[in-house]
N, C-alpha and C. Protein backbone atom coordinates (compact mmCIF):
# COMPACT_ATOMS: atom_id res chain seq x y z
N MET A 1 146.72 139.28 -103.29
CA MET A 1 147.84 139.50 -102.37
C MET A 1 148.55 140.80 -102.76
N SER A 2 148.84 141.63 -101.80
CA SER A 2 149.59 142.86 -102.10
C SER A 2 150.68 143.05 -101.06
N ASP A 3 151.74 143.72 -101.47
CA ASP A 3 152.83 143.99 -100.55
C ASP A 3 152.44 145.11 -99.60
N LEU A 4 153.23 145.23 -98.55
CA LEU A 4 152.99 146.26 -97.55
C LEU A 4 153.34 147.62 -98.12
N LYS A 5 152.45 148.59 -97.97
CA LYS A 5 152.67 149.93 -98.50
C LYS A 5 152.36 150.98 -97.45
N THR A 6 153.06 152.10 -97.55
CA THR A 6 152.77 153.25 -96.70
C THR A 6 151.58 154.01 -97.28
N GLN A 7 150.64 154.35 -96.41
CA GLN A 7 149.53 155.20 -96.84
C GLN A 7 149.33 156.30 -95.81
N ILE A 8 149.34 157.54 -96.28
CA ILE A 8 149.12 158.70 -95.41
C ILE A 8 147.64 159.09 -95.49
N ILE A 9 147.00 159.19 -94.35
CA ILE A 9 145.58 159.53 -94.30
C ILE A 9 145.41 160.87 -93.59
N ASP A 10 144.79 161.82 -94.27
CA ASP A 10 144.56 163.15 -93.68
C ASP A 10 143.32 163.11 -92.79
N ILE A 11 143.54 163.30 -91.50
CA ILE A 11 142.44 163.33 -90.54
C ILE A 11 142.46 164.68 -89.84
N SER A 12 141.51 165.53 -90.21
CA SER A 12 141.41 166.88 -89.65
C SER A 12 142.73 167.63 -89.73
N GLY A 13 143.42 167.49 -90.88
CA GLY A 13 144.67 168.20 -91.09
C GLY A 13 145.90 167.48 -90.57
N CYS A 14 145.71 166.38 -89.86
CA CYS A 14 146.84 165.59 -89.36
C CYS A 14 147.15 164.47 -90.36
N GLN A 15 148.41 164.41 -90.80
CA GLN A 15 148.82 163.39 -91.76
C GLN A 15 149.17 162.11 -91.00
N VAL A 16 148.21 161.20 -90.92
CA VAL A 16 148.38 159.98 -90.14
C VAL A 16 149.07 158.90 -90.99
N HIS A 17 150.20 158.42 -90.50
CA HIS A 17 151.00 157.42 -91.21
C HIS A 17 150.47 156.01 -90.90
N THR A 18 150.21 155.25 -91.96
CA THR A 18 149.78 153.87 -91.79
C THR A 18 150.58 152.96 -92.72
N LEU A 19 150.65 151.70 -92.35
CA LEU A 19 151.17 150.64 -93.21
C LEU A 19 150.00 149.72 -93.53
N GLN A 20 149.80 149.43 -94.80
CA GLN A 20 148.67 148.60 -95.19
C GLN A 20 149.09 147.59 -96.24
N GLY A 21 148.42 146.45 -96.24
CA GLY A 21 148.74 145.44 -97.23
C GLY A 21 147.83 144.23 -97.09
N GLY A 22 148.01 143.29 -98.01
CA GLY A 22 147.22 142.07 -97.98
C GLY A 22 145.97 142.15 -98.84
N ASP A 23 145.20 141.09 -98.79
CA ASP A 23 143.98 140.97 -99.59
C ASP A 23 142.84 141.69 -98.87
N THR A 24 142.42 142.83 -99.39
CA THR A 24 141.39 143.64 -98.72
C THR A 24 140.03 142.96 -98.73
N GLY A 25 139.90 141.88 -99.47
CA GLY A 25 138.65 141.12 -99.44
C GLY A 25 138.58 140.15 -98.28
N GLN A 26 139.68 140.03 -97.55
CA GLN A 26 139.77 139.11 -96.42
C GLN A 26 139.73 139.88 -95.10
N PRO A 27 139.52 139.17 -93.97
CA PRO A 27 139.49 139.84 -92.67
C PRO A 27 140.75 140.68 -92.43
N THR A 28 140.55 141.81 -91.76
CA THR A 28 141.64 142.75 -91.51
C THR A 28 142.07 142.74 -90.05
N LEU A 29 143.38 142.68 -89.84
CA LEU A 29 143.94 142.88 -88.51
C LEU A 29 144.45 144.31 -88.44
N PHE A 30 143.97 145.05 -87.45
CA PHE A 30 144.28 146.47 -87.28
C PHE A 30 145.21 146.60 -86.06
N PHE A 31 146.44 147.04 -86.30
CA PHE A 31 147.48 147.07 -85.27
C PHE A 31 147.69 148.46 -84.69
N LEU A 32 147.57 148.55 -83.37
CA LEU A 32 148.00 149.74 -82.63
C LEU A 32 149.40 149.45 -82.09
N HIS A 33 149.98 150.36 -81.32
CA HIS A 33 151.33 150.16 -80.83
C HIS A 33 151.45 150.62 -79.39
N GLY A 34 152.56 150.23 -78.75
CA GLY A 34 152.82 150.65 -77.38
C GLY A 34 153.46 152.04 -77.34
N LYS A 35 153.70 152.51 -76.14
CA LYS A 35 154.14 153.90 -75.93
C LYS A 35 155.52 154.18 -76.53
N ALA A 36 156.39 153.18 -76.56
CA ALA A 36 157.75 153.40 -77.07
C ALA A 36 157.91 152.90 -78.51
N PHE A 37 156.80 152.57 -79.15
CA PHE A 37 156.89 151.91 -80.45
C PHE A 37 156.03 152.60 -81.51
N GLN A 38 155.89 151.95 -82.68
CA GLN A 38 155.20 152.55 -83.81
C GLN A 38 154.75 151.46 -84.76
N ALA A 39 154.09 151.85 -85.83
CA ALA A 39 153.59 150.88 -86.81
C ALA A 39 154.72 150.01 -87.35
N GLU A 40 155.88 150.62 -87.62
CA GLU A 40 156.98 149.88 -88.21
C GLU A 40 157.53 148.79 -87.29
N THR A 41 157.25 148.89 -85.99
CA THR A 41 157.67 147.83 -85.06
C THR A 41 157.09 146.49 -85.51
N TRP A 42 155.83 146.50 -85.93
CA TRP A 42 155.17 145.26 -86.37
C TRP A 42 155.79 144.76 -87.67
N GLN A 43 156.27 145.69 -88.50
CA GLN A 43 156.94 145.30 -89.74
C GLN A 43 158.28 144.65 -89.43
N GLU A 44 159.03 145.27 -88.52
CA GLU A 44 160.35 144.76 -88.15
C GLU A 44 160.27 143.38 -87.51
N LEU A 45 159.19 143.12 -86.80
CA LEU A 45 159.00 141.82 -86.16
C LEU A 45 158.63 140.73 -87.15
N GLY A 46 158.22 141.15 -88.35
CA GLY A 46 157.74 140.17 -89.32
C GLY A 46 156.28 139.84 -89.15
N THR A 47 155.61 140.50 -88.21
CA THR A 47 154.21 140.18 -87.94
C THR A 47 153.30 140.54 -89.11
N LEU A 48 153.49 141.73 -89.67
CA LEU A 48 152.60 142.17 -90.75
C LEU A 48 152.72 141.26 -91.95
N GLN A 49 153.96 140.89 -92.31
CA GLN A 49 154.14 140.02 -93.47
C GLN A 49 153.59 138.62 -93.20
N ALA A 50 153.76 138.14 -91.98
CA ALA A 50 153.23 136.82 -91.63
C ALA A 50 151.72 136.78 -91.75
N VAL A 51 151.07 137.87 -91.33
CA VAL A 51 149.61 137.95 -91.40
C VAL A 51 149.16 138.04 -92.86
N ILE A 52 149.88 138.84 -93.67
CA ILE A 52 149.56 138.94 -95.10
C ILE A 52 149.75 137.58 -95.77
N ASP A 53 150.85 136.91 -95.47
CA ASP A 53 151.14 135.60 -96.08
C ASP A 53 150.10 134.56 -95.71
N ALA A 54 149.44 134.76 -94.56
CA ALA A 54 148.39 133.83 -94.12
C ALA A 54 147.05 134.14 -94.78
N GLY A 55 147.02 135.21 -95.60
CA GLY A 55 145.82 135.50 -96.37
C GLY A 55 144.95 136.63 -95.83
N PHE A 56 145.44 137.32 -94.80
CA PHE A 56 144.67 138.40 -94.21
C PHE A 56 145.10 139.75 -94.78
N SER A 57 144.34 140.78 -94.43
CA SER A 57 144.68 142.16 -94.71
C SER A 57 145.19 142.80 -93.42
N VAL A 58 146.09 143.77 -93.54
CA VAL A 58 146.62 144.44 -92.34
C VAL A 58 146.59 145.96 -92.49
N ILE A 59 146.36 146.61 -91.36
CA ILE A 59 146.55 148.05 -91.22
C ILE A 59 147.28 148.28 -89.90
N ALA A 60 148.41 148.98 -89.96
CA ALA A 60 149.11 149.38 -88.74
C ALA A 60 149.22 150.90 -88.75
N VAL A 61 148.89 151.51 -87.65
CA VAL A 61 148.79 152.97 -87.61
C VAL A 61 149.76 153.56 -86.59
N ASP A 62 150.35 154.71 -86.95
CA ASP A 62 151.09 155.52 -85.98
C ASP A 62 150.12 156.52 -85.37
N LEU A 63 149.88 156.43 -84.09
CA LEU A 63 149.02 157.40 -83.42
C LEU A 63 149.71 158.76 -83.36
N PRO A 64 148.96 159.85 -83.23
CA PRO A 64 149.57 161.18 -83.20
C PRO A 64 150.68 161.31 -82.16
N GLY A 65 151.82 161.83 -82.61
CA GLY A 65 152.96 162.00 -81.72
C GLY A 65 153.87 160.79 -81.68
N PHE A 66 153.57 159.77 -82.47
CA PHE A 66 154.39 158.56 -82.50
C PHE A 66 154.77 158.23 -83.93
N GLY A 67 155.95 157.59 -84.09
CA GLY A 67 156.38 157.18 -85.41
C GLY A 67 156.43 158.37 -86.36
N LYS A 68 155.75 158.23 -87.49
CA LYS A 68 155.80 159.27 -88.52
C LYS A 68 154.55 160.14 -88.56
N THR A 69 153.71 160.03 -87.53
CA THR A 69 152.52 160.88 -87.43
C THR A 69 152.81 162.04 -86.48
N PRO A 70 152.63 163.28 -86.92
CA PRO A 70 152.88 164.42 -86.03
C PRO A 70 151.88 164.50 -84.89
N GLU A 71 152.24 165.23 -83.86
CA GLU A 71 151.32 165.43 -82.75
C GLU A 71 150.08 166.17 -83.23
N ALA A 72 148.94 165.79 -82.66
CA ALA A 72 147.67 166.44 -83.02
C ALA A 72 146.68 166.23 -81.90
N ASP A 73 145.75 167.15 -81.79
CA ASP A 73 144.74 167.08 -80.74
C ASP A 73 143.57 166.22 -81.22
N LEU A 74 143.86 164.94 -81.44
CA LEU A 74 142.85 163.99 -81.91
C LEU A 74 142.89 162.76 -81.00
N THR A 75 141.74 162.25 -80.65
CA THR A 75 141.70 161.07 -79.78
C THR A 75 142.04 159.82 -80.59
N PRO A 76 142.58 158.79 -79.92
CA PRO A 76 142.82 157.53 -80.62
C PRO A 76 141.54 156.97 -81.24
N GLU A 77 140.42 157.15 -80.55
CA GLU A 77 139.14 156.66 -81.08
C GLU A 77 138.83 157.32 -82.42
N THR A 78 139.08 158.63 -82.53
CA THR A 78 138.86 159.34 -83.79
C THR A 78 139.78 158.80 -84.88
N ILE A 79 141.04 158.59 -84.55
CA ILE A 79 142.01 158.07 -85.53
C ILE A 79 141.55 156.72 -86.06
N ILE A 80 141.20 155.81 -85.14
CA ILE A 80 140.79 154.46 -85.56
C ILE A 80 139.54 154.53 -86.43
N THR A 81 138.56 155.30 -86.00
CA THR A 81 137.30 155.40 -86.73
C THR A 81 137.50 155.97 -88.13
N GLU A 82 138.32 157.02 -88.23
CA GLU A 82 138.55 157.67 -89.52
C GLU A 82 139.36 156.77 -90.46
N VAL A 83 140.37 156.09 -89.92
CA VAL A 83 141.15 155.17 -90.75
C VAL A 83 140.26 154.05 -91.27
N MET A 84 139.37 153.55 -90.42
CA MET A 84 138.43 152.52 -90.86
C MET A 84 137.56 153.02 -92.01
N GLN A 85 137.09 154.25 -91.88
CA GLN A 85 136.22 154.81 -92.93
C GLN A 85 136.95 154.93 -94.26
N VAL A 86 138.18 155.44 -94.22
CA VAL A 86 138.96 155.60 -95.45
C VAL A 86 139.25 154.23 -96.08
N ALA A 87 139.51 153.23 -95.22
CA ALA A 87 139.82 151.88 -95.72
C ALA A 87 138.55 151.10 -96.06
N GLU A 88 137.40 151.75 -95.88
CA GLU A 88 136.10 151.09 -96.11
C GLU A 88 136.00 149.80 -95.31
N LEU A 89 136.40 149.91 -94.05
CA LEU A 89 136.45 148.77 -93.14
C LEU A 89 135.31 148.87 -92.13
N THR A 90 134.49 147.85 -92.03
CA THR A 90 133.39 147.87 -91.07
C THR A 90 133.66 146.98 -89.86
N LYS A 91 134.48 145.94 -90.06
CA LYS A 91 134.81 145.03 -88.96
C LYS A 91 136.28 144.68 -89.02
N MET A 92 136.86 144.34 -87.86
CA MET A 92 138.29 144.05 -87.82
C MET A 92 138.65 143.26 -86.58
N ILE A 93 139.83 142.67 -86.63
CA ILE A 93 140.47 142.11 -85.44
C ILE A 93 141.43 143.19 -84.95
N LEU A 94 141.20 143.71 -83.76
CA LEU A 94 141.97 144.84 -83.24
C LEU A 94 143.06 144.35 -82.29
N VAL A 95 144.30 144.76 -82.57
CA VAL A 95 145.47 144.29 -81.83
C VAL A 95 146.12 145.46 -81.10
N GLY A 96 146.31 145.34 -79.78
CA GLY A 96 146.90 146.43 -79.03
C GLY A 96 147.79 145.95 -77.89
N PRO A 97 149.08 146.37 -77.88
CA PRO A 97 149.96 146.09 -76.75
C PRO A 97 150.06 147.29 -75.81
N SER A 98 150.13 147.01 -74.51
CA SER A 98 150.42 148.04 -73.51
C SER A 98 149.47 149.23 -73.62
N MET A 99 149.98 150.42 -73.92
CA MET A 99 149.13 151.59 -74.12
C MET A 99 148.10 151.33 -75.21
N GLY A 100 148.55 150.71 -76.30
CA GLY A 100 147.64 150.37 -77.38
C GLY A 100 146.58 149.36 -76.95
N GLY A 101 146.92 148.56 -75.94
CA GLY A 101 145.95 147.60 -75.40
C GLY A 101 144.80 148.30 -74.69
N LYS A 102 145.14 149.36 -73.95
CA LYS A 102 144.10 150.15 -73.29
C LYS A 102 143.19 150.80 -74.33
N ILE A 103 143.80 151.35 -75.38
CA ILE A 103 143.03 151.97 -76.44
C ILE A 103 142.13 150.95 -77.12
N ALA A 104 142.69 149.77 -77.42
CA ALA A 104 141.93 148.72 -78.09
C ALA A 104 140.78 148.24 -77.22
N LEU A 105 141.05 148.07 -75.94
CA LEU A 105 140.02 147.63 -74.99
C LEU A 105 138.87 148.63 -74.95
N GLU A 106 139.20 149.90 -74.80
CA GLU A 106 138.16 150.92 -74.67
C GLU A 106 137.43 151.16 -75.99
N PHE A 107 138.13 151.03 -77.12
CA PHE A 107 137.46 151.16 -78.42
C PHE A 107 136.47 150.01 -78.60
N SER A 108 136.86 148.83 -78.18
CA SER A 108 135.99 147.67 -78.32
C SER A 108 134.73 147.81 -77.48
N LEU A 109 134.87 148.39 -76.32
CA LEU A 109 133.70 148.62 -75.46
C LEU A 109 132.76 149.65 -76.10
N ALA A 110 133.34 150.67 -76.74
CA ALA A 110 132.54 151.75 -77.33
C ALA A 110 131.96 151.37 -78.69
N HIS A 111 132.63 150.45 -79.39
CA HIS A 111 132.22 150.10 -80.76
C HIS A 111 132.21 148.57 -80.94
N PRO A 112 131.41 147.87 -80.16
CA PRO A 112 131.44 146.40 -80.22
C PRO A 112 131.09 145.83 -81.59
N ASP A 113 130.28 146.53 -82.36
CA ASP A 113 129.88 146.01 -83.66
C ASP A 113 131.02 146.01 -84.68
N CYS A 114 132.10 146.75 -84.38
CA CYS A 114 133.24 146.83 -85.31
C CYS A 114 134.25 145.70 -85.08
N ILE A 115 134.10 144.97 -83.98
CA ILE A 115 135.14 144.05 -83.54
C ILE A 115 134.75 142.60 -83.76
N THR A 116 135.52 141.90 -84.61
CA THR A 116 135.32 140.46 -84.75
C THR A 116 136.28 139.69 -83.87
N GLY A 117 137.36 140.35 -83.45
CA GLY A 117 138.31 139.74 -82.54
C GLY A 117 139.14 140.83 -81.88
N LEU A 118 139.61 140.55 -80.67
CA LEU A 118 140.38 141.51 -79.89
C LEU A 118 141.62 140.82 -79.36
N VAL A 119 142.79 141.47 -79.53
CA VAL A 119 144.05 140.92 -79.04
C VAL A 119 144.68 141.94 -78.10
N LEU A 120 144.83 141.57 -76.84
CA LEU A 120 145.40 142.47 -75.83
C LEU A 120 146.70 141.88 -75.33
N ILE A 121 147.79 142.65 -75.44
CA ILE A 121 149.12 142.19 -75.05
C ILE A 121 149.64 143.08 -73.93
N GLY A 122 149.73 142.53 -72.73
CA GLY A 122 150.23 143.33 -71.61
C GLY A 122 149.52 144.66 -71.47
N ALA A 123 148.21 144.64 -71.70
CA ALA A 123 147.44 145.89 -71.73
C ALA A 123 147.48 146.62 -70.39
N VAL A 124 147.56 147.94 -70.45
CA VAL A 124 147.37 148.76 -69.26
C VAL A 124 145.90 149.20 -69.24
N GLY A 125 145.46 149.77 -68.13
CA GLY A 125 144.10 150.27 -68.04
C GLY A 125 143.05 149.21 -67.78
N VAL A 126 143.49 148.02 -67.40
CA VAL A 126 142.53 146.93 -67.16
C VAL A 126 141.68 147.21 -65.93
N GLU A 127 142.36 147.58 -64.84
CA GLU A 127 141.64 147.81 -63.57
C GLU A 127 140.59 148.91 -63.70
N GLU A 128 140.93 149.99 -64.42
CA GLU A 128 139.98 151.11 -64.49
C GLU A 128 138.77 150.79 -65.35
N ASN A 129 138.85 149.71 -66.10
CA ASN A 129 137.70 149.29 -66.92
C ASN A 129 137.10 147.97 -66.44
N LYS A 130 137.47 147.55 -65.21
CA LYS A 130 137.13 146.19 -64.79
C LYS A 130 135.63 145.93 -64.71
N ASP A 131 134.83 146.96 -64.48
CA ASP A 131 133.38 146.74 -64.37
C ASP A 131 132.73 146.46 -65.73
N GLN A 132 133.47 146.72 -66.81
CA GLN A 132 132.92 146.50 -68.16
C GLN A 132 133.60 145.36 -68.91
N LEU A 133 134.58 144.74 -68.29
CA LEU A 133 135.36 143.74 -69.01
C LEU A 133 134.49 142.60 -69.56
N HIS A 134 133.42 142.29 -68.85
CA HIS A 134 132.54 141.19 -69.31
C HIS A 134 131.84 141.52 -70.63
N GLU A 135 131.87 142.80 -71.03
CA GLU A 135 131.24 143.20 -72.29
C GLU A 135 132.16 143.00 -73.49
N LEU A 136 133.42 142.67 -73.26
CA LEU A 136 134.35 142.45 -74.36
C LEU A 136 134.01 141.15 -75.08
N PRO A 137 134.39 141.04 -76.36
CA PRO A 137 133.98 139.88 -77.16
C PRO A 137 134.58 138.57 -76.66
N GLU A 138 133.81 137.49 -76.83
CA GLU A 138 134.33 136.16 -76.49
C GLU A 138 135.60 135.86 -77.27
N SER A 139 135.65 136.37 -78.49
CA SER A 139 136.81 136.15 -79.35
C SER A 139 137.91 137.14 -78.97
N THR A 140 138.48 136.94 -77.78
CA THR A 140 139.55 137.80 -77.27
C THR A 140 140.76 136.95 -76.93
N LEU A 141 141.91 137.34 -77.48
CA LEU A 141 143.19 136.70 -77.15
C LEU A 141 143.93 137.61 -76.19
N ILE A 142 144.34 137.05 -75.06
CA ILE A 142 145.06 137.81 -74.03
C ILE A 142 146.47 137.24 -73.93
N VAL A 143 147.47 138.07 -74.20
CA VAL A 143 148.86 137.63 -74.20
C VAL A 143 149.64 138.44 -73.17
N TRP A 144 150.39 137.75 -72.32
CA TRP A 144 151.13 138.44 -71.27
C TRP A 144 152.50 137.82 -71.08
N GLY A 145 153.46 138.65 -70.71
CA GLY A 145 154.76 138.13 -70.31
C GLY A 145 154.70 137.69 -68.86
N GLU A 146 155.28 136.55 -68.57
CA GLU A 146 155.26 136.01 -67.20
C GLU A 146 155.86 136.99 -66.20
N ASN A 147 156.88 137.73 -66.64
CA ASN A 147 157.60 138.65 -65.74
C ASN A 147 157.32 140.11 -66.06
N ASP A 148 156.12 140.40 -66.53
CA ASP A 148 155.73 141.77 -66.86
C ASP A 148 155.74 142.63 -65.61
N GLN A 149 156.56 143.70 -65.61
CA GLN A 149 156.64 144.60 -64.45
C GLN A 149 155.91 145.92 -64.69
N ILE A 150 155.34 146.09 -65.89
CA ILE A 150 154.60 147.31 -66.21
C ILE A 150 153.10 147.10 -65.96
N SER A 151 152.58 146.02 -66.48
CA SER A 151 151.18 145.65 -66.25
C SER A 151 151.17 144.24 -65.68
N ASP A 152 150.83 144.15 -64.40
CA ASP A 152 150.90 142.88 -63.67
C ASP A 152 150.17 141.76 -64.41
N PRO A 153 150.80 140.57 -64.51
CA PRO A 153 150.12 139.43 -65.14
C PRO A 153 148.75 139.13 -64.53
N ALA A 154 148.52 139.61 -63.32
CA ALA A 154 147.20 139.44 -62.70
C ALA A 154 146.12 140.12 -63.54
N ASN A 155 146.51 141.18 -64.29
CA ASN A 155 145.55 141.85 -65.16
C ASN A 155 145.11 140.93 -66.29
N GLY A 156 146.05 140.13 -66.79
CA GLY A 156 145.71 139.17 -67.82
C GLY A 156 144.73 138.13 -67.30
N LYS A 157 144.97 137.67 -66.09
CA LYS A 157 144.08 136.68 -65.48
C LYS A 157 142.70 137.29 -65.22
N LEU A 158 142.67 138.56 -64.81
CA LEU A 158 141.40 139.25 -64.58
C LEU A 158 140.60 139.33 -65.88
N LEU A 159 141.26 139.71 -66.97
CA LEU A 159 140.60 139.76 -68.27
C LEU A 159 140.02 138.40 -68.63
N HIS A 160 140.85 137.38 -68.47
CA HIS A 160 140.44 136.02 -68.83
C HIS A 160 139.24 135.56 -68.00
N ASP A 161 139.26 135.91 -66.71
CA ASP A 161 138.16 135.53 -65.82
C ASP A 161 136.86 136.23 -66.19
N ARG A 162 136.97 137.49 -66.63
CA ARG A 162 135.77 138.29 -66.90
C ARG A 162 135.19 138.09 -68.31
N ILE A 163 136.03 137.63 -69.26
CA ILE A 163 135.58 137.51 -70.65
C ILE A 163 135.32 136.05 -70.97
N ASP A 164 134.07 135.68 -71.05
CA ASP A 164 133.70 134.31 -71.38
C ASP A 164 134.27 133.94 -72.75
N GLY A 165 134.89 132.78 -72.83
CA GLY A 165 135.39 132.29 -74.11
C GLY A 165 136.75 132.83 -74.52
N SER A 166 137.35 133.69 -73.69
CA SER A 166 138.64 134.27 -74.04
C SER A 166 139.77 133.25 -73.93
N THR A 167 140.89 133.57 -74.56
CA THR A 167 142.07 132.71 -74.53
C THR A 167 143.21 133.48 -73.88
N LEU A 168 143.87 132.87 -72.89
CA LEU A 168 144.99 133.50 -72.19
C LEU A 168 146.26 132.72 -72.50
N VAL A 169 147.28 133.43 -73.01
CA VAL A 169 148.58 132.80 -73.29
C VAL A 169 149.66 133.58 -72.54
N ILE A 170 150.39 132.88 -71.68
CA ILE A 170 151.48 133.48 -70.92
C ILE A 170 152.81 133.10 -71.57
N PHE A 171 153.62 134.09 -71.90
CA PHE A 171 154.95 133.83 -72.47
C PHE A 171 155.93 133.66 -71.32
N GLN A 172 156.40 132.45 -71.13
CA GLN A 172 157.27 132.13 -70.01
C GLN A 172 158.60 132.89 -70.09
N GLY A 173 158.97 133.50 -68.97
CA GLY A 173 160.25 134.19 -68.87
C GLY A 173 160.30 135.55 -69.54
N ALA A 174 159.18 135.97 -70.14
CA ALA A 174 159.17 137.23 -70.89
C ALA A 174 158.75 138.40 -70.02
N LYS A 175 159.25 139.59 -70.37
CA LYS A 175 158.88 140.82 -69.66
C LYS A 175 157.71 141.49 -70.37
N HIS A 176 157.53 142.79 -70.14
CA HIS A 176 156.36 143.51 -70.66
C HIS A 176 156.20 143.40 -72.18
N PRO A 177 157.24 143.74 -72.97
CA PRO A 177 157.08 143.61 -74.43
C PRO A 177 157.33 142.17 -74.88
N CYS A 178 156.51 141.25 -74.39
CA CYS A 178 156.76 139.83 -74.61
C CYS A 178 156.75 139.46 -76.09
N TYR A 179 155.97 140.20 -76.87
CA TYR A 179 155.89 139.92 -78.31
C TYR A 179 157.20 140.27 -79.02
N LEU A 180 157.96 141.22 -78.46
CA LEU A 180 159.27 141.57 -79.02
C LEU A 180 160.32 140.53 -78.63
N GLU A 181 160.21 140.04 -77.40
CA GLU A 181 161.20 139.09 -76.89
C GLU A 181 161.04 137.71 -77.53
N GLN A 182 159.80 137.34 -77.84
CA GLN A 182 159.54 136.01 -78.38
C GLN A 182 158.68 136.15 -79.64
N ALA A 183 159.28 136.79 -80.65
CA ALA A 183 158.53 137.17 -81.85
C ALA A 183 157.96 135.97 -82.61
N GLU A 184 158.72 134.90 -82.70
CA GLU A 184 158.25 133.73 -83.45
C GLU A 184 157.01 133.13 -82.76
N LEU A 185 157.08 133.00 -81.44
CA LEU A 185 155.92 132.49 -80.68
C LEU A 185 154.75 133.45 -80.81
N TRP A 186 155.02 134.74 -80.76
CA TRP A 186 153.96 135.74 -80.87
C TRP A 186 153.24 135.63 -82.21
N ASN A 187 154.01 135.58 -83.30
CA ASN A 187 153.40 135.52 -84.62
C ASN A 187 152.54 134.26 -84.77
N LYS A 188 153.03 133.14 -84.26
CA LYS A 188 152.26 131.89 -84.34
C LYS A 188 150.99 131.98 -83.50
N THR A 189 151.12 132.54 -82.29
CA THR A 189 149.97 132.67 -81.39
C THR A 189 148.90 133.54 -82.03
N LEU A 190 149.33 134.64 -82.64
CA LEU A 190 148.39 135.56 -83.27
C LEU A 190 147.67 134.90 -84.45
N LEU A 191 148.41 134.21 -85.30
CA LEU A 191 147.81 133.59 -86.48
C LEU A 191 146.87 132.45 -86.10
N ASP A 192 147.24 131.68 -85.08
CA ASP A 192 146.37 130.60 -84.61
C ASP A 192 145.03 131.17 -84.15
N PHE A 193 145.09 132.34 -83.53
CA PHE A 193 143.85 133.01 -83.07
C PHE A 193 143.07 133.60 -84.25
N ALA A 194 143.78 134.25 -85.15
CA ALA A 194 143.12 134.98 -86.24
C ALA A 194 142.29 134.05 -87.13
N VAL A 195 142.75 132.84 -87.35
CA VAL A 195 142.00 131.95 -88.26
C VAL A 195 140.71 131.46 -87.63
N THR A 196 140.57 131.64 -86.31
CA THR A 196 139.32 131.20 -85.66
C THR A 196 138.44 132.37 -85.23
N ALA A 197 138.99 133.60 -85.32
CA ALA A 197 138.25 134.78 -84.84
C ALA A 197 137.10 135.13 -85.79
């Protein structure tokens, strides 16, 4: 067991800020973030510590131009791939809300062998990838706010319909950042999924 620590990873000259912790011998949950948020959002919610306390390893990354990572002409796919290499990570449970959900979805389609589980929270970009959604892993958790006005809850239902074996959880009364509004329920939902992924 290890505490959460900041680790800066140099990727093509860009100092990418990450938070990492937990038992690296155990499955890793890799956290992306939404457009208005950053790696530390997951720390503030208690999600990273809850995952570590449950026996997992965590990596949360600030994408270029967000949080403590400066802007850089690097794709999110490059950032994820390079961080995985530095962490000597070959497989992970990938977690992405909103903008991060689109990135997670498309990374999973491009690198299916790296994904043991996928968590999409109010993901955008569902419609533009709808012809490939059936290729996403069965071990996919789909979380949506009932009153999401950014990414229609119908997108969550579409994902669930197209992905055999997926799990759909609707947070009643919640808006787009449902995991922020109902953090305790979110952390429990995530951990319940992670132990079976």
